[in-house]
Protein backbone atom coordinates (compact mmCIF):
# COMPACT_ATOMS: atom_id res chain seq x y z
CA MET A 1 40.29 -30.99 32.07
CA LYS A 2 41.42 -30.04 35.55
CA LYS A 3 39.68 -26.92 36.80
CA ARG A 4 41.59 -23.83 37.86
CA ASN A 5 41.06 -22.72 41.45
CA VAL A 6 40.05 -19.40 43.00
CA VAL A 7 39.46 -18.74 46.69
CA ILE A 8 36.84 -16.70 48.54
CA ALA A 9 38.01 -16.31 52.14
CA GLY A 10 35.99 -15.14 55.12
CA GLY A 11 32.77 -15.66 56.97
CA GLY A 12 31.38 -15.52 60.47
CA THR A 13 28.08 -13.90 59.46
CA GLY A 14 25.67 -14.23 56.58
CA GLY A 15 26.59 -10.71 55.50
CA HIS A 16 30.09 -11.96 54.68
CA ILE A 17 29.15 -15.40 53.37
CA TYR A 18 26.20 -14.79 51.05
CA PRO A 19 27.97 -12.17 48.88
CA GLY A 20 30.69 -14.79 48.36
CA ILE A 21 28.02 -17.34 47.36
CA ALA A 22 26.54 -14.84 44.90
CA LEU A 23 29.98 -14.31 43.33
CA ALA A 24 30.59 -18.04 43.13
CA GLU A 25 27.29 -18.62 41.36
CA ARG A 26 28.01 -15.85 38.85
CA LEU A 27 31.49 -17.25 38.22
CA LYS A 28 30.07 -20.73 37.67
CA ILE A 29 28.04 -19.32 34.78
CA SER A 30 30.69 -17.07 33.24
CA HIS A 31 33.75 -19.29 33.79
CA PRO A 32 32.69 -22.95 34.16
CA ASP A 33 36.36 -23.97 33.95
CA VAL A 34 37.04 -22.33 37.33
CA GLN A 35 36.47 -24.06 40.70
CA VAL A 36 35.55 -21.78 43.61
CA HIS A 37 36.91 -22.79 47.01
CA PHE A 38 35.85 -21.16 50.28
CA VAL A 39 38.15 -20.70 53.25
CA GLY A 40 36.51 -20.12 56.62
CA ALA A 41 37.00 -20.61 60.35
CA VAL A 42 36.26 -23.62 62.51
CA GLY A 43 32.94 -22.99 64.25
CA GLY A 44 31.85 -20.24 61.86
CA LEU A 45 28.44 -19.95 60.23
CA GLU A 46 30.09 -20.84 56.91
CA GLU A 47 30.33 -24.48 58.11
CA SER A 48 26.56 -24.84 57.70
CA ILE A 49 25.98 -22.50 54.72
CA VAL A 50 28.75 -23.14 52.18
CA PRO A 51 28.44 -26.95 51.87
CA ARG A 52 24.70 -26.61 51.23
CA HIS A 53 25.56 -24.68 48.08
CA GLY A 54 27.97 -27.34 46.85
CA TYR A 55 31.32 -25.53 47.16
CA PRO A 56 34.48 -26.95 48.78
CA LEU A 57 35.11 -25.42 52.22
CA HIS A 58 38.48 -25.38 53.96
CA LEU A 59 38.59 -24.44 57.64
CA LEU A 60 41.32 -22.67 59.58
CA LYS A 61 41.66 -22.59 63.35
CA VAL A 62 41.41 -18.85 63.84
CA GLY A 63 39.61 -16.71 66.39
CA ARG A 64 38.56 -13.09 66.69
CA LEU A 65 40.76 -10.16 67.68
CA HIS A 66 38.16 -7.41 67.82
CA LYS A 67 37.67 -5.68 71.19
CA SER A 68 34.06 -6.86 71.26
CA VAL A 69 35.13 -10.42 72.19
CA GLY A 70 36.96 -9.82 75.44
CA PHE A 71 40.56 -9.93 76.57
CA ILE A 72 41.00 -13.66 77.28
CA ARG A 73 39.59 -14.71 73.92
CA ARG A 74 41.86 -12.23 72.12
CA ILE A 75 44.89 -13.66 73.91
CA LYS A 76 43.89 -17.18 72.84
CA THR A 77 43.54 -15.95 69.25
CA LEU A 78 47.00 -14.38 69.31
CA LEU A 79 48.51 -17.61 70.64
CA THR A 80 46.93 -19.66 67.83
CA LEU A 81 47.73 -17.21 65.02
CA PRO A 82 51.04 -18.88 64.07
CA LEU A 83 49.18 -22.16 63.47
CA SER A 84 46.56 -20.28 61.42
CA PHE A 85 49.24 -18.77 59.20
CA ILE A 86 50.93 -22.16 58.69
CA GLN A 87 47.57 -23.75 57.80
CA ALA A 88 46.90 -20.91 55.36
CA LEU A 89 50.31 -21.27 53.73
CA VAL A 90 49.96 -25.03 53.27
CA LEU A 91 46.47 -24.56 51.79
CA TYR A 92 47.69 -21.81 49.47
CA PHE A 93 50.31 -24.07 47.91
CA LYS A 94 47.82 -26.94 47.72
CA LEU A 95 45.20 -24.91 45.84
CA LYS A 96 47.52 -22.55 43.90
CA PRO A 97 44.61 -20.15 43.31
CA LEU A 98 44.42 -17.73 40.38
CA TRP A 99 43.21 -15.13 42.87
CA VAL A 100 42.03 -14.77 46.44
CA LEU A 101 39.17 -12.53 47.56
CA GLY A 102 38.67 -11.73 51.24
CA VAL A 103 35.02 -11.00 51.99
CA GLY A 104 35.52 -9.92 55.60
CA GLY A 105 35.28 -11.71 58.90
CA PHE A 106 38.18 -13.00 60.96
CA ALA A 107 38.62 -16.10 58.79
CA SER A 108 39.83 -14.03 55.86
CA GLY A 109 42.86 -12.55 57.64
CA PRO A 110 45.44 -15.37 57.65
CA PHE A 111 44.66 -16.68 54.16
CA VAL A 112 44.59 -13.30 52.41
CA PHE A 113 47.73 -12.26 54.32
CA MET A 114 49.73 -15.35 53.35
CA SER A 115 48.47 -15.25 49.76
CA SER A 116 49.62 -11.63 49.46
CA LEU A 117 52.96 -12.50 51.05
CA MET A 118 53.48 -15.26 48.48
CA GLY A 119 52.84 -12.81 45.63
CA GLY A 120 49.38 -14.05 44.79
CA LYS A 121 46.67 -11.87 43.25
CA THR A 122 44.56 -10.73 46.19
CA ALA A 123 41.59 -8.44 46.75
CA LEU A 124 39.09 -7.44 49.42
CA LEU A 125 35.34 -6.97 49.40
CA GLU A 126 34.23 -4.73 52.25
CA PRO A 127 30.48 -5.21 52.75
CA ASN A 128 29.95 -2.75 55.60
CA ALA A 129 29.93 1.04 55.83
CA MET A 130 32.36 0.65 58.74
CA PRO A 131 35.13 -1.77 57.64
CA GLY A 132 35.95 -4.74 59.81
CA LEU A 133 39.31 -5.17 61.50
CA ALA A 134 40.60 -7.86 59.10
CA ASN A 135 40.00 -5.75 55.99
CA ARG A 136 41.43 -2.61 57.58
CA LEU A 137 44.66 -4.46 58.35
CA LEU A 138 44.90 -6.14 54.94
CA ALA A 139 44.04 -3.13 52.77
CA ARG A 140 47.64 -2.14 51.97
CA MET A 141 48.66 -5.68 51.00
CA VAL A 142 46.06 -6.42 48.33
CA LYS A 143 45.66 -5.24 44.74
CA HIS A 144 41.96 -4.33 44.74
CA CYS A 145 39.56 -3.01 47.40
CA PHE A 146 35.93 -3.45 46.36
CA LEU A 147 33.52 -1.43 48.50
CA VAL A 148 29.78 -1.60 48.96
CA PHE A 149 29.50 1.85 50.53
CA LYS A 150 31.35 4.99 49.50
CA GLU A 151 31.38 5.94 53.20
CA SER A 152 34.09 3.34 53.87
CA SER A 153 36.53 4.82 51.31
CA SER A 154 38.65 6.67 53.87
CA TYR A 155 39.88 3.37 55.32
CA PHE A 156 41.43 2.13 52.06
CA PRO A 157 44.20 3.32 49.67
CA ALA A 158 42.46 5.58 47.14
CA HIS A 159 44.11 4.04 44.06
CA LYS A 160 42.83 0.55 44.95
CA ILE A 161 39.19 1.49 45.57
CA LYS A 162 36.23 0.55 43.41
CA VAL A 163 32.70 1.11 44.76
CA VAL A 164 30.62 -1.75 43.38
CA GLY A 165 27.72 -2.43 45.74
CA LEU A 166 27.02 -5.85 47.27
CA PRO A 167 26.77 -9.06 45.24
CA VAL A 168 23.32 -10.48 45.91
CA ARG A 169 21.20 -13.19 44.33
CA LEU A 170 18.05 -11.06 44.57
CA ARG A 171 16.90 -9.39 41.35
CA LYS A 172 16.29 -5.63 41.48
CA GLN A 173 12.60 -4.88 41.91
CA LYS A 174 10.80 -1.76 40.76
CA PRO A 175 9.07 0.22 43.52
CA SER A 176 5.53 -1.01 44.00
CA VAL A 177 3.62 0.61 46.85
CA THR A 178 0.04 -0.63 46.70
CA PHE A 179 -1.14 0.33 50.17
CA ASN A 180 -3.76 3.09 50.14
CA GLY A 181 -5.42 2.69 53.54
CA GLU A 182 -8.30 0.57 52.24
CA ARG A 183 -6.94 -2.77 53.53
CA PRO A 184 -4.83 -3.91 56.51
CA PHE A 185 -1.27 -2.55 56.62
CA LYS A 186 1.12 -5.48 56.05
CA ILE A 187 4.26 -5.50 58.23
CA LEU A 188 7.12 -8.00 58.01
CA ILE A 189 9.44 -8.25 61.03
CA PHE A 190 12.63 -10.32 61.14
CA GLY A 191 16.00 -10.34 62.86
CA GLY A 192 18.16 -13.09 61.34
CA SER A 193 18.12 -16.88 61.69
CA GLN A 194 18.49 -16.80 65.49
CA GLY A 195 16.22 -13.79 65.79
CA ALA A 196 16.74 -10.47 67.53
CA ARG A 197 15.70 -10.65 71.18
CA ALA A 198 15.28 -6.91 71.73
CA VAL A 199 13.32 -6.47 68.49
CA ASN A 200 11.09 -9.39 69.46
CA LEU A 201 10.38 -7.76 72.83
CA PHE A 202 9.50 -4.39 71.27
CA ILE A 203 7.29 -5.99 68.62
CA GLY A 204 5.62 -8.35 71.09
CA GLU A 205 4.75 -5.49 73.42
CA TRP A 206 3.41 -3.46 70.49
CA VAL A 207 1.31 -6.35 69.16
CA GLU A 208 -0.22 -6.93 72.58
CA SER A 209 -1.03 -3.23 72.95
CA LEU A 210 -2.97 -2.84 69.70
CA GLY A 211 -6.41 -3.67 71.07
CA SER A 212 -9.23 -2.71 68.67
CA SER A 213 -6.78 -1.12 66.19
CA ALA A 214 -5.30 -4.57 65.45
CA GLN A 215 -7.80 -4.98 62.58
CA GLU A 216 -5.89 -2.25 60.73
CA PHE A 217 -2.79 -4.51 60.48
CA SER A 218 -1.59 -7.80 59.03
CA ILE A 219 1.68 -8.80 60.70
CA PHE A 220 4.23 -11.54 60.02
CA HIS A 221 6.84 -11.90 62.75
CA GLN A 222 9.91 -14.11 62.20
CA ILE A 223 11.05 -14.84 65.74
CA GLY A 224 14.21 -16.90 65.21
CA SER A 225 15.38 -20.20 66.66
CA ARG A 226 16.74 -18.91 69.98
CA ASP A 227 13.43 -17.76 71.53
CA PHE A 228 10.82 -19.38 69.32
CA ALA A 229 9.44 -21.67 72.04
CA ILE A 230 9.01 -18.71 74.40
CA TRP A 231 7.07 -16.67 71.86
CA GLN A 232 5.08 -19.66 70.67
CA GLU A 233 3.74 -19.92 74.21
CA ARG A 234 3.32 -16.14 74.65
CA TYR A 235 1.54 -15.53 71.36
CA GLY A 236 -0.31 -18.83 71.21
CA HIS A 237 -3.48 -18.33 69.20
CA LYS A 238 -4.47 -15.04 70.82
CA HIS A 239 -3.71 -12.79 67.85
CA ARG A 240 -4.24 -15.14 64.89
CA ASP A 241 -6.76 -12.82 63.23
CA PHE A 242 -3.98 -10.33 62.38
CA LEU A 243 -0.68 -12.03 63.32
CA ASP A 244 1.31 -14.90 61.83
CA TYR A 245 4.66 -15.92 63.24
CA ALA A 246 7.38 -18.41 62.38
CA GLU A 247 10.80 -19.54 63.54
CA TYR A 248 12.44 -18.83 60.19
CA ILE A 249 11.54 -17.38 56.78
CA HIS A 250 12.52 -19.66 53.90
CA ASN A 251 10.85 -17.61 51.15
CA MET A 252 12.25 -14.14 51.85
CA PRO A 253 11.77 -12.71 48.30
CA GLU A 254 8.07 -13.58 48.40
CA MET A 255 7.66 -12.18 51.90
CA LEU A 256 9.39 -8.93 50.96
CA GLU A 257 7.03 -8.63 48.00
CA TRP A 258 4.05 -9.21 50.32
CA ALA A 259 4.98 -6.53 52.85
CA ASP A 260 4.12 -2.82 52.87
CA LEU A 261 6.76 -2.17 55.55
CA VAL A 262 9.73 -4.15 56.88
CA ILE A 263 11.05 -3.82 60.44
CA CYS A 264 14.46 -5.42 60.86
CA ARG A 265 18.09 -5.26 61.97
CA ALA A 266 20.66 -3.64 59.67
CA GLY A 267 23.19 -6.31 58.79
CA ILE A 268 24.57 -5.69 55.33
CA GLY A 269 22.73 -8.65 53.80
CA THR A 270 19.44 -7.28 55.12
CA VAL A 271 20.21 -3.74 53.96
CA ALA A 272 21.01 -5.09 50.49
CA GLU A 273 17.77 -7.08 50.39
CA ILE A 274 15.82 -3.95 51.31
CA ALA A 275 17.58 -1.97 48.57
CA MET A 276 17.12 -4.61 45.89
CA SER A 277 13.45 -5.21 46.78
CA SER A 278 12.76 -1.42 46.89
CA LYS A 279 10.79 -2.08 50.06
CA PRO A 280 10.26 0.64 52.73
CA ALA A 281 12.00 -0.30 55.96
CA LEU A 282 12.41 0.74 59.57
CA PHE A 283 15.84 -0.38 60.81
CA ILE A 284 16.59 -1.17 64.45
CA PRO A 285 20.37 -1.80 64.28
CA LEU A 286 22.10 -4.26 66.57
CA PRO A 287 23.86 -2.01 69.13
CA THR A 288 26.61 -4.55 69.89
CA ALA A 289 27.71 -5.03 66.26
CA ALA A 290 31.47 -4.60 65.80
CA ASP A 291 32.47 -0.95 65.24
CA ASN A 292 28.76 -0.07 65.33
CA HIS A 293 28.64 -1.08 61.68
CA GLN A 294 24.89 -1.83 61.64
CA VAL A 295 24.07 1.78 62.50
CA LYS A 296 26.40 2.94 59.72
CA ASN A 297 24.83 0.45 57.29
CA ALA A 298 21.37 1.82 58.08
CA GLU A 299 22.59 5.43 57.87
CA SER A 300 23.76 4.80 54.31
CA LEU A 301 20.07 4.50 53.32
CA VAL A 302 18.62 6.89 55.88
CA LYS A 303 20.80 9.76 54.62
CA LYS A 304 19.39 9.18 51.12
CA GLY A 305 15.82 9.34 52.44
CA ALA A 306 15.48 5.66 51.50
CA ALA A 307 14.78 4.19 54.96
CA LEU A 308 13.98 5.01 58.58
CA MET A 309 15.96 4.09 61.68
CA ILE A 310 15.40 4.03 65.42
CA GLU A 311 18.45 3.05 67.45
CA GLU A 312 17.73 0.51 70.16
CA LYS A 313 18.85 2.88 72.91
CA ASN A 314 16.16 5.34 71.78
CA MET A 315 13.42 2.79 71.23
CA SER A 316 10.17 2.77 73.17
CA LEU A 317 6.67 1.44 72.60
CA GLU A 318 5.49 4.98 71.90
CA LYS A 319 8.21 5.68 69.31
CA LEU A 320 7.67 2.36 67.57
CA ASN A 321 3.91 2.86 67.37
CA GLU A 322 4.31 6.46 66.21
CA ALA A 323 6.63 5.48 63.35
CA ILE A 324 4.38 2.64 62.17
CA VAL A 325 1.11 4.57 62.39
CA ASP A 326 2.64 7.59 60.66
CA LEU A 327 3.60 5.48 57.65
CA LYS A 328 0.23 3.70 57.64
CA ASN A 329 -1.65 7.01 57.72
CA HIS A 330 0.59 8.63 55.09
CA PRO A 331 1.11 6.20 52.19
CA GLU A 332 2.90 8.96 50.27
CA LYS A 333 5.78 8.58 52.73
CA LEU A 334 6.02 4.89 51.81
CA LYS A 335 6.12 5.84 48.13
CA ASN A 336 8.90 8.34 48.75
CA LEU A 337 11.02 5.75 50.56
CA ALA A 338 10.50 3.26 47.75
CA HIS A 339 11.31 5.89 45.13
CA GLN A 340 14.66 6.61 46.81
CA LEU A 341 15.42 2.88 47.02
CA ALA A 342 14.83 2.58 43.29
CA GLU A 343 18.10 4.45 42.74
CA ILE A 344 20.12 1.72 44.50
CA ASP A 345 20.91 -1.30 42.33
CA TYR A 346 23.64 -3.88 43.02
CA SER A 347 22.88 -6.01 39.95
CA GLN A 348 26.23 -5.26 38.29
CA ALA A 349 28.32 -5.85 41.42
CA PRO A 350 29.37 -9.46 40.63
CA ASP A 351 30.68 -8.56 37.18
CA GLN A 352 32.36 -5.39 38.47
CA ILE A 353 34.28 -7.52 40.95
CA LEU A 354 35.00 -10.56 38.78
CA SER A 355 36.12 -8.65 35.69
CA PRO A 356 39.36 -7.23 37.16
CA LEU A 357 40.01 -10.48 39.05
CA MET A 358 39.66 -12.70 35.97
CA SER A 359 41.58 -10.45 33.60
CA PRO A 360 44.34 -10.72 32.67
CA LEU A 361 44.80 -14.36 33.63
CA PRO A 362 46.59 -17.20 31.86
C-alpha cells in the first residue's frame, strides 16, 4: 500500500531540526502508514542530520532575511525568493501532503506559504520564546500555532494557539541531586557541535586559575569542532587529574546524568534537555542569536527559579567562579533548581501536536 505523505518544513539549527525528528519518530510508531518528508534549505544543517535518521529530505534554494545576516545577503535572498516559491509549489503538488508543519528557520517560509495558499492543512511549531521571522510572518495563514513557551503567545492569533512544550526524544527524569560536598563537584560544559568560542575562553581561564582548589572539581568540557585543535594544545595533559575534554559529546543523556551542574548556551534544544533531565544549569546565552532568543529561552527557566543565567556581556572570571562556588558550597540551591525543573515536562508534546494534525483526516 502506498504511504500517505506529511511534511515537516524548516531547519537551519538543531533547535528546529531535532523537534521535527522527534515528531517523525512518534508518528512512525502511531501511524506507520504515513511517510514523513522533510523540506529544508540548501546548505542548512538539516542536510547532515535528516538523512542520518532515514527520512526523505527535499531542499529549496532559499536564504535568510533576518537583519542579523547583513544587507547584501538579504538582497540576494529577495532576488531568489520567486524561484524558492516555484520550487515549493512543484514539490507540494508532487507530495500532496496530508498536512505541513513549519518548525521554524528560513527554510520553512516558502513551503508553508505555498501550502497554505493552495488550501493545504498547515501549522507552525514555534520552539523559541522569541518567535523567528518566518513563523511571525506565516502565523495568520496557518490553522494551528503550537508553542513551546507561553511567552511567545502575543505574536500569534489567540484562537490558533496551543502551548505544548518541545518534542524531544529524551525521557523526563526525576530530580536527583546527589552532591553533598563529600566528593568532587562534577561540571559539564558544552556549546553545540561547533562549540562556543566565548564560553570556551571563560571556562579555559577559570580552569587554569583553579590552582590547589582544582581537587574540589571534576570537569568535562566539550570544546566543539571549530577550536578543538587549539584547546587540545592549550590544555594538553596539564589538568588531567580533574579535567576531561572532547570535541563532541555523543552520549549526552549519560553525561547529563553524570553532572551536578551544566554550563551551556541556551538554544531551545539545550534548554529542553536541561528541563527534561531536571539538571541544574547555568546558561550563558549566545548574544548574537536572532532576536536575542537565547536570552529569552533562558529567562523562561530563570523566572521559574529553575536555572541561572549570566549574559555574556556581564561575564567575568570573578562572576563565573562566584556562581560555581556558591552552588558547590550550597547543595540546597542545586536541589531547589532541580525541584523547579521537575515541574517542566514535554513528554506529551508530540501527541499534543500530532493529534489535531492527524484528525480528522481521510
